[in-house]
Amino acid sequence: MKTIYHSAETRGNANHGWLTANHSFSFAQYYDPERMNFGALRVLNDDTIAPGKGFGKHPHDNMEIITIPLNGDLEHKDSMGNVGVINEGEIQVMSAGTGVFHSEYNKNKDKPINLLQLWVIPKTPNVKPRYDQKSILEYKKPNTFYQVLSPNEDDDGMWIHQDAWFHMGEFNRAIETEYTIKKQGNGVYIFVIEGTLKVGDQQLKQRDAMGVWEAKKIFFVVEPDSKVLLVEVPMSF
């Protein structure tokens, strides 16, 4: 098993006034040649957007973009004609494919929104752009990892054009648990949203992360009041 540890304090940070962004991997003005990606996971941004503010219309192509609001409501508009609001408890997927324009704004005028946005390099380039969002509350299970994204359209949660699986875990008690990697050659990027856990001898606290690859299973010791995102992606693509 191989691992890499990224403490929360080592992320790239940008404060634009209306936006406070923390970058797990090189993004925009933050560049670290040692932190370009974890396998097919190219971006993991932890963004806080001020009330009523947001990203104006801008383009994307050949990227699977996944947005997970942690609190607040995000308004989305795109060149495919989609207009909607993504709320806490939902997940949004946009396959940029051959090209799409979109904008994202904090829907609320009185409170900030905090969200995670992840970019995964697709398995197939130049697909037809698509957009989808869904509540993940029906898949939620306490004190275990539950799936919210996969490569399969008929599976639990959302789907993307990559052999990737996302799982969330929300723990209200101390527990020992495990995660089995779905596909040989994949690795898992563990991102602690809240709380504390251990993987082997490595302790992870809020917003810390750890990549694990060349393993079949990952074993966790999780403390109460912890919330975790697991991102399984191909290490070669």
C-alpha atoms as a PDB file:
ATOM      1  CA  MET A   1       0.000   0.000   0.000  1.00  0.00           C
ATOM      2  CA  LYS A   2       1.231   3.454  -0.924  1.00  0.00           C
ATOM      3  CA  THR A   3       0.015   6.651   0.692  1.00  0.00           C
ATOM      4  CA  ILE A   4       0.343  10.414   0.540  1.00  0.00           C
ATOM      5  CA  TYR A   5      -0.777  12.832   3.261  1.00  0.00           C
ATOM      6  CA  HIS A   6      -2.061  16.354   2.606  1.00  0.00           C
ATOM      7  CA  SER A   7      -2.764  18.376   5.748  1.00  0.00           C
ATOM      8  CA  ALA A   8      -5.422  21.080   5.497  1.00  0.00           C
ATOM      9  CA  GLU A   9      -2.808  23.787   6.083  1.00  0.00           C
ATOM     10  CA  THR A  10      -0.791  22.782   2.998  1.00  0.00           C
ATOM     11  CA  ARG A  11      -3.612  23.449   0.526  1.00  0.00           C
ATOM     12  CA  GLY A  12      -3.416  26.402  -1.807  1.00  0.00           C
ATOM     13  CA  ASN A  13      -5.466  29.344  -0.586  1.00  0.00           C
ATOM     14  CA  ALA A  14      -6.976  32.338  -2.357  1.00  0.00           C
ATOM     15  CA  ASN A  15      -9.105  35.086  -0.819  1.00  0.00           C
ATOM     16  CA  HIS A  16     -10.904  37.163  -3.432  1.00  0.00           C
ATOM     17  CA  GLY A  17     -13.199  38.905  -0.974  1.00  0.00           C
ATOM     18  CA  TRP A  18     -16.365  37.359  -2.386  1.00  0.00           C
ATOM     19  CA  LEU A  19     -14.686  33.944  -2.570  1.00  0.00           C
ATOM     20  CA  THR A  20     -12.416  32.073  -0.188  1.00  0.00           C
ATOM     21  CA  ALA A  21     -10.983  29.035  -1.947  1.00  0.00           C
ATOM     22  CA  ASN A  22      -8.825  26.180  -0.706  1.00  0.00           C
ATOM     23  CA  HIS A  23      -7.230  24.038  -3.411  1.00  0.00           C
ATOM     24  CA  SER A  24      -6.105  20.471  -2.722  1.00  0.00           C
ATOM     25  CA  PHE A  25      -4.393  20.456  -6.134  1.00  0.00           C
ATOM     26  CA  SER A  26      -2.855  23.094  -8.389  1.00  0.00           C
ATOM     27  CA  PHE A  27      -5.552  25.459  -9.597  1.00  0.00           C
ATOM     28  CA  ALA A  28      -5.687  29.007 -10.976  1.00  0.00           C
ATOM     29  CA  GLN A  29      -2.887  31.013  -9.304  1.00  0.00           C
ATOM     30  CA  TYR A  30      -1.905  28.142  -7.003  1.00  0.00           C
ATOM     31  CA  TYR A  31       0.711  25.923  -8.606  1.00  0.00           C
ATOM     32  CA  ASP A  32       2.653  23.092  -7.023  1.00  0.00           C
ATOM     33  CA  PRO A  33       4.198  20.580  -9.458  1.00  0.00           C
ATOM     34  CA  GLU A  34       4.001  17.929  -6.720  1.00  0.00           C
ATOM     35  CA  ARG A  35       0.249  18.444  -6.355  1.00  0.00           C
ATOM     36  CA  MET A  36      -1.233  18.414  -9.836  1.00  0.00           C
ATOM     37  CA  ASN A  37      -3.693  15.567  -9.287  1.00  0.00           C
ATOM     38  CA  PHE A  38      -4.380  12.272  -7.572  1.00  0.00           C
ATOM     39  CA  GLY A  39      -4.819   9.870 -10.460  1.00  0.00           C
ATOM     40  CA  ALA A  40      -7.819  11.030 -12.484  1.00  0.00           C
ATOM     41  CA  LEU A  41      -8.870  13.440  -9.707  1.00  0.00           C
ATOM     42  CA  ARG A  42      -7.633  16.765 -11.046  1.00  0.00           C
ATOM     43  CA  VAL A  43      -9.371  19.298  -8.753  1.00  0.00           C
ATOM     44  CA  LEU A  44     -10.797  19.335  -5.238  1.00  0.00           C
ATOM     45  CA  ASN A  45     -11.754  22.868  -4.273  1.00  0.00           C
ATOM     46  CA  ASP A  46     -13.259  23.815  -0.922  1.00  0.00           C
ATOM     47  CA  ASP A  47     -15.031  27.099  -1.716  1.00  0.00           C
ATOM     48  CA  THR A  48     -16.912  29.592   0.440  1.00  0.00           C
ATOM     49  CA  ILE A  49     -18.910  32.094  -1.602  1.00  0.00           C
ATOM     50  CA  ALA A  50     -20.233  35.340  -0.117  1.00  0.00           C
ATOM     51  CA  PRO A  51     -23.992  36.097  -0.112  1.00  0.00           C
ATOM     52  CA  GLY A  52     -25.323  36.813  -3.592  1.00  0.00           C
ATOM     53  CA  LYS A  53     -21.902  36.420  -5.230  1.00  0.00           C
ATOM     54  CA  GLY A  54     -20.521  33.796  -7.570  1.00  0.00           C
ATOM     55  CA  PHE A  55     -18.784  32.747 -10.765  1.00  0.00           C
ATOM     56  CA  GLY A  56     -19.981  34.427 -13.951  1.00  0.00           C
ATOM     57  CA  LYS A  57     -20.414  32.620 -17.242  1.00  0.00           C
ATOM     58  CA  HIS A  58     -17.282  30.636 -18.105  1.00  0.00           C
ATOM     59  CA  PRO A  59     -16.365  27.610 -20.272  1.00  0.00           C
ATOM     60  CA  HIS A  60     -15.349  24.012 -19.567  1.00  0.00           C
ATOM     61  CA  ASP A  61     -14.596  21.018 -21.769  1.00  0.00           C
ATOM     62  CA  ASN A  62     -13.547  17.386 -21.356  1.00  0.00           C
ATOM     63  CA  MET A  63     -13.982  17.278 -17.599  1.00  0.00           C
ATOM     64  CA  GLU A  64     -16.450  15.599 -15.239  1.00  0.00           C
ATOM     65  CA  ILE A  65     -17.418  18.285 -12.708  1.00  0.00           C
ATOM     66  CA  ILE A  66     -19.048  17.271  -9.419  1.00  0.00           C
ATOM     67  CA  THR A  67     -20.405  19.830  -6.955  1.00  0.00           C
ATOM     68  CA  ILE A  68     -21.408  18.990  -3.381  1.00  0.00           C
ATOM     69  CA  PRO A  69     -22.896  21.829  -1.282  1.00  0.00           C
ATOM     70  CA  LEU A  70     -21.965  21.402   2.388  1.00  0.00           C
ATOM     71  CA  ASN A  71     -24.320  24.189   3.425  1.00  0.00           C
ATOM     72  CA  GLY A  72     -26.330  26.786   1.554  1.00  0.00           C
ATOM     73  CA  ASP A  73     -27.871  26.890  -1.911  1.00  0.00           C
ATOM     74  CA  LEU A  74     -26.052  27.228  -5.256  1.00  0.00           C
ATOM     75  CA  GLU A  75     -27.799  28.633  -8.335  1.00  0.00           C
ATOM     76  CA  HIS A  76     -26.696  27.099 -11.646  1.00  0.00           C
ATOM     77  CA  LYS A  77     -27.268  28.205 -15.242  1.00  0.00           C
ATOM     78  CA  ASP A  78     -25.653  26.724 -18.345  1.00  0.00           C
ATOM     79  CA  SER A  79     -25.579  26.846 -22.140  1.00  0.00           C
ATOM     80  CA  MET A  80     -27.579  23.590 -22.312  1.00  0.00           C
ATOM     81  CA  GLY A  81     -30.581  25.480 -20.964  1.00  0.00           C
ATOM     82  CA  ASN A  82     -30.431  24.145 -17.431  1.00  0.00           C
ATOM     83  CA  VAL A  83     -31.424  26.507 -14.619  1.00  0.00           C
ATOM     84  CA  GLY A  84     -31.678  25.278 -11.066  1.00  0.00           C
ATOM     85  CA  VAL A  85     -30.615  25.445  -7.434  1.00  0.00           C
ATOM     86  CA  ILE A  86     -28.439  22.797  -5.794  1.00  0.00           C
ATOM     87  CA  ASN A  87     -29.089  22.477  -2.069  1.00  0.00           C
ATOM     88  CA  GLU A  88     -27.303  20.843   0.823  1.00  0.00           C
ATOM     89  CA  GLY A  89     -28.074  17.132   0.607  1.00  0.00           C
ATOM     90  CA  GLU A  90     -27.836  17.149  -3.181  1.00  0.00           C
ATOM     91  CA  ILE A  91     -25.044  16.442  -5.637  1.00  0.00           C
ATOM     92  CA  GLN A  92     -24.586  17.949  -9.094  1.00  0.00           C
ATOM     93  CA  VAL A  93     -22.759  16.435 -12.054  1.00  0.00           C
ATOM     94  CA  MET A  94     -21.861  18.199 -15.278  1.00  0.00           C
ATOM     95  CA  SER A  95     -20.064  16.370 -18.092  1.00  0.00           C
ATOM     96  CA  ALA A  96     -18.409  19.209 -19.981  1.00  0.00           C
ATOM     97  CA  GLY A  97     -17.445  16.992 -22.929  1.00  0.00           C
ATOM     98  CA  THR A  98     -17.241  18.901 -26.213  1.00  0.00           C
ATOM     99  CA  GLY A  99     -17.807  22.178 -24.376  1.00  0.00           C
ATOM    100  CA  VAL A 100     -20.265  24.014 -22.151  1.00  0.00           C
ATOM    101  CA  PHE A 101     -20.633  27.436 -20.534  1.00  0.00           C
ATOM    102  CA  HIS A 102     -22.113  27.847 -17.057  1.00  0.00           C
ATOM    103  CA  SER A 103     -22.411  30.213 -14.113  1.00  0.00           C
ATOM    104  CA  GLU A 104     -22.692  29.498 -10.391  1.00  0.00           C
ATOM    105  CA  TYR A 105     -23.993  31.909  -7.753  1.00  0.00           C
ATOM    106  CA  ASN A 106     -24.848  31.831  -4.083  1.00  0.00           C
ATOM    107  CA  LYS A 107     -28.643  31.869  -4.202  1.00  0.00           C
ATOM    108  CA  ASN A 108     -28.940  33.478  -0.762  1.00  0.00           C
ATOM    109  CA  LYS A 109     -28.411  37.186  -0.132  1.00  0.00           C
ATOM    110  CA  ASP A 110     -27.964  36.826   3.630  1.00  0.00           C
ATOM    111  CA  LYS A 111     -25.513  33.949   4.188  1.00  0.00           C
ATOM    112  CA  PRO A 112     -22.458  32.362   2.561  1.00  0.00           C
ATOM    113  CA  ILE A 113     -22.385  28.951   0.931  1.00  0.00           C
ATOM    114  CA  ASN A 114     -19.656  26.356   1.413  1.00  0.00           C
ATOM    115  CA  LEU A 115     -19.221  23.692  -1.243  1.00  0.00           C
ATOM    116  CA  LEU A 116     -16.824  21.127  -2.593  1.00  0.00           C
ATOM    117  CA  GLN A 117     -16.185  21.052  -6.318  1.00  0.00           C
ATOM    118  CA  LEU A 118     -14.258  18.163  -7.835  1.00  0.00           C
ATOM    119  CA  TRP A 119     -13.019  17.671 -11.389  1.00  0.00           C
ATOM    120  CA  VAL A 120     -12.371  14.160 -12.674  1.00  0.00           C
ATOM    121  CA  ILE A 121     -10.614  13.564 -15.990  1.00  0.00           C
ATOM    122  CA  PRO A 122     -13.036  11.534 -18.145  1.00  0.00           C
ATOM    123  CA  LYS A 123     -12.458   8.098 -19.580  1.00  0.00           C
ATOM    124  CA  THR A 124     -13.896   9.146 -22.923  1.00  0.00           C
ATOM    125  CA  PRO A 125     -13.144  12.577 -24.447  1.00  0.00           C
ATOM    126  CA  ASN A 126     -15.534  14.773 -26.398  1.00  0.00           C
ATOM    127  CA  VAL A 127     -18.775  13.284 -25.100  1.00  0.00           C
ATOM    128  CA  LYS A 128     -22.045  15.155 -25.486  1.00  0.00           C
ATOM    129  CA  PRO A 129     -22.339  17.623 -22.586  1.00  0.00           C
ATOM    130  CA  ARG A 130     -24.916  16.754 -19.930  1.00  0.00           C
ATOM    131  CA  TYR A 131     -26.169  18.013 -16.594  1.00  0.00           C
ATOM    132  CA  ASP A 132     -27.854  16.264 -13.678  1.00  0.00           C
ATOM    133  CA  GLN A 133     -28.540  16.798  -9.989  1.00  0.00           C
ATOM    134  CA  LYS A 134     -30.075  14.551  -7.380  1.00  0.00           C
ATOM    135  CA  SER A 135     -30.766  14.311  -3.670  1.00  0.00           C
ATOM    136  CA  ILE A 136     -28.434  11.849  -1.997  1.00  0.00           C
ATOM    137  CA  LEU A 137     -30.491  11.671   1.198  1.00  0.00           C
ATOM    138  CA  GLU A 138     -32.197   8.441   0.084  1.00  0.00           C
ATOM    139  CA  TYR A 139     -28.810   6.708  -0.017  1.00  0.00           C
ATOM    140  CA  LYS A 140     -27.668   8.043   3.347  1.00  0.00           C
ATOM    141  CA  LYS A 141     -26.852   5.447   6.011  1.00  0.00           C
ATOM    142  CA  PRO A 142     -25.417   6.254   9.447  1.00  0.00           C
ATOM    143  CA  ASN A 143     -21.976   5.080  10.534  1.00  0.00           C
ATOM    144  CA  THR A 144     -20.955   3.563   7.219  1.00  0.00           C
ATOM    145  CA  PHE A 145     -19.775   4.663   3.776  1.00  0.00           C
ATOM    146  CA  TYR A 146     -22.642   5.003   1.303  1.00  0.00           C
ATOM    147  CA  GLN A 147     -22.267   5.441  -2.446  1.00  0.00           C
ATOM    148  CA  VAL A 148     -23.223   8.729  -4.100  1.00  0.00           C
ATOM    149  CA  LEU A 149     -21.518   8.351  -7.512  1.00  0.00           C
ATOM    150  CA  SER A 150     -20.288   5.586  -9.813  1.00  0.00           C
ATOM    151  CA  PRO A 151     -19.603   4.839 -13.517  1.00  0.00           C
ATOM    152  CA  ASN A 152     -23.016   3.181 -13.833  1.00  0.00           C
ATOM    153  CA  GLU A 153     -26.154   5.074 -14.788  1.00  0.00           C
ATOM    154  CA  ASP A 154     -28.432   2.590 -12.990  1.00  0.00           C
ATOM    155  CA  ASP A 155     -26.381   2.473  -9.778  1.00  0.00           C
ATOM    156  CA  ASP A 156     -26.882   4.414  -6.526  1.00  0.00           C
ATOM    157  CA  GLY A 157     -26.360   8.157  -6.830  1.00  0.00           C
ATOM    158  CA  MET A 158     -24.961   9.981  -9.834  1.00  0.00           C
ATOM    159  CA  TRP A 159     -22.775   8.670 -12.658  1.00  0.00           C
ATOM    160  CA  ILE A 160     -19.830  10.035 -14.643  1.00  0.00           C
ATOM    161  CA  HIS A 161     -17.715   9.058 -17.649  1.00  0.00           C
ATOM    162  CA  GLN A 162     -14.945   7.473 -15.587  1.00  0.00           C
ATOM    163  CA  ASP A 163     -14.336   4.327 -13.536  1.00  0.00           C
ATOM    164  CA  ALA A 164     -14.769   6.332 -10.346  1.00  0.00           C
ATOM    165  CA  TRP A 165     -16.819   5.847  -7.196  1.00  0.00           C
ATOM    166  CA  PHE A 166     -17.632   8.474  -4.556  1.00  0.00           C
ATOM    167  CA  HIS A 167     -18.786   7.522  -1.062  1.00  0.00           C
ATOM    168  CA  MET A 168     -19.837   9.672   1.876  1.00  0.00           C
ATOM    169  CA  GLY A 169     -19.662   8.667   5.517  1.00  0.00           C
ATOM    170  CA  GLU A 170     -21.364  10.383   8.455  1.00  0.00           C
ATOM    171  CA  PHE A 171     -20.488   8.968  11.854  1.00  0.00           C
ATOM    172  CA  ASN A 172     -22.155   9.821  15.158  1.00  0.00           C
ATOM    173  CA  ARG A 173     -20.156   7.302  17.180  1.00  0.00           C
ATOM    174  CA  ALA A 174     -16.658   5.882  17.319  1.00  0.00           C
ATOM    175  CA  ILE A 175     -16.321   3.010  14.888  1.00  0.00           C
ATOM    176  CA  GLU A 176     -13.846   0.827  13.034  1.00  0.00           C
ATOM    177  CA  THR A 177     -14.809   0.340   9.416  1.00  0.00           C
ATOM    178  CA  GLU A 178     -13.311  -0.441   6.020  1.00  0.00           C
ATOM    179  CA  TYR A 179     -13.614   0.388   2.346  1.00  0.00           C
ATOM    180  CA  THR A 180     -12.976  -2.114  -0.456  1.00  0.00           C
ATOM    181  CA  ILE A 181     -11.544  -0.636  -3.656  1.00  0.00           C
ATOM    182  CA  LYS A 182     -13.890  -1.371  -6.543  1.00  0.00           C
ATOM    183  CA  LYS A 183     -11.449  -1.719  -9.427  1.00  0.00           C
ATOM    184  CA  GLN A 184      -7.855  -2.881  -9.631  1.00  0.00           C
ATOM    185  CA  GLY A 185      -5.513   0.000 -10.411  1.00  0.00           C
ATOM    186  CA  ASN A 186      -7.687   2.554  -8.626  1.00  0.00           C
ATOM    187  CA  GLY A 187      -6.728   4.598  -5.600  1.00  0.00           C
ATOM    188  CA  VAL A 188      -8.797   6.447  -3.011  1.00  0.00           C
ATOM    189  CA  TYR A 189      -8.481  10.073  -1.945  1.00  0.00           C
ATOM    190  CA  ILE A 190      -9.830  10.447   1.596  1.00  0.00           C
ATOM    191  CA  PHE A 191     -11.067  13.958   2.471  1.00  0.00           C
ATOM    192  CA  VAL A 192     -12.207  14.685   6.016  1.00  0.00           C
ATOM    193  CA  ILE A 193     -15.022  17.225   5.916  1.00  0.00           C
ATOM    194  CA  GLU A 194     -15.526  17.235   9.681  1.00  0.00           C
ATOM    195  CA  GLY A 195     -14.114  15.370  12.650  1.00  0.00           C
ATOM    196  CA  THR A 196     -11.169  13.021  13.045  1.00  0.00           C
ATOM    197  CA  LEU A 197     -10.151   9.579  11.851  1.00  0.00           C
ATOM    198  CA  LYS A 198      -7.110   7.367  11.513  1.00  0.00           C
ATOM    199  CA  VAL A 199      -5.863   5.341   8.562  1.00  0.00           C
ATOM    200  CA  GLY A 200      -3.129   3.097   9.917  1.00  0.00           C
ATOM    201  CA  ASP A 201      -0.933   5.340  12.047  1.00  0.00           C
ATOM    202  CA  GLN A 202      -1.926   8.525  10.213  1.00  0.00           C
ATOM    203  CA  GLN A 203      -4.436  10.737  11.986  1.00  0.00           C
ATOM    204  CA  LEU A 204      -6.564  12.990   9.810  1.00  0.00           C
ATOM    205  CA  LYS A 205      -8.475  15.971  11.162  1.00  0.00           C
ATOM    206  CA  GLN A 206     -10.940  18.388   9.576  1.00  0.00           C
ATOM    207  CA  ARG A 207     -10.069  19.149   5.921  1.00  0.00           C
ATOM    208  CA  ASP A 208      -6.998  16.904   5.981  1.00  0.00           C
ATOM    209  CA  ALA A 209      -6.675  14.392   3.150  1.00  0.00           C
ATOM    210  CA  MET A 210      -4.821  11.197   2.349  1.00  0.00           C
ATOM    211  CA  GLY A 211      -4.359   9.299  -0.880  1.00  0.00           C
ATOM    212  CA  VAL A 212      -4.096   5.491  -0.805  1.00  0.00           C
ATOM    213  CA  TRP A 213      -3.253   3.237  -3.735  1.00  0.00           C
ATOM    214  CA  GLU A 214      -1.871  -0.219  -4.482  1.00  0.00           C
ATOM    215  CA  ALA A 215      -4.269  -1.597  -1.876  1.00  0.00           C
ATOM    216  CA  LYS A 216      -7.400  -3.740  -1.896  1.00  0.00           C
ATOM    217  CA  LYS A 217      -8.946  -2.460   1.329  1.00  0.00           C
ATOM    218  CA  ILE A 218      -8.562   0.590   3.521  1.00  0.00           C
ATOM    219  CA  PHE A 219      -9.218   0.340   7.259  1.00  0.00           C
ATOM    220  CA  PHE A 220     -10.467   3.303   9.277  1.00  0.00           C
ATOM    221  CA  VAL A 221     -10.830   4.183  12.947  1.00  0.00           C
ATOM    222  CA  VAL A 222     -13.365   7.001  12.979  1.00  0.00           C
ATOM    223  CA  GLU A 223     -14.170   9.324  15.880  1.00  0.00           C
ATOM    224  CA  PRO A 224     -17.716  10.543  16.653  1.00  0.00           C
ATOM    225  CA  ASP A 225     -19.141  13.535  14.762  1.00  0.00           C
ATOM    226  CA  SER A 226     -17.058  12.906  11.657  1.00  0.00           C
ATOM    227  CA  LYS A 227     -18.008  13.363   8.019  1.00  0.00           C
ATOM    228  CA  VAL A 228     -15.832  11.931   5.245  1.00  0.00           C
ATOM    229  CA  LEU A 229     -15.706  11.904   1.453  1.00  0.00           C
ATOM    230  CA  LEU A 230     -13.996   8.998  -0.340  1.00  0.00           C
ATOM    231  CA  VAL A 231     -13.052   9.523  -3.988  1.00  0.00           C
ATOM    232  CA  GLU A 232     -11.971   6.364  -5.804  1.00  0.00           C
ATOM    233  CA  VAL A 233     -10.381   7.046  -9.195  1.00  0.00           C
ATOM    234  CA  PRO A 234      -8.036   5.333 -11.668  1.00  0.00           C
ATOM    235  CA  MET A 235      -4.393   6.078 -10.952  1.00  0.00           C
ATOM    236  CA  SER A 236      -3.557   5.699 -14.656  1.00  0.00           C
ATOM    237  CA  PHE A 237      -5.758   7.276 -17.305  1.00  0.00           C
END
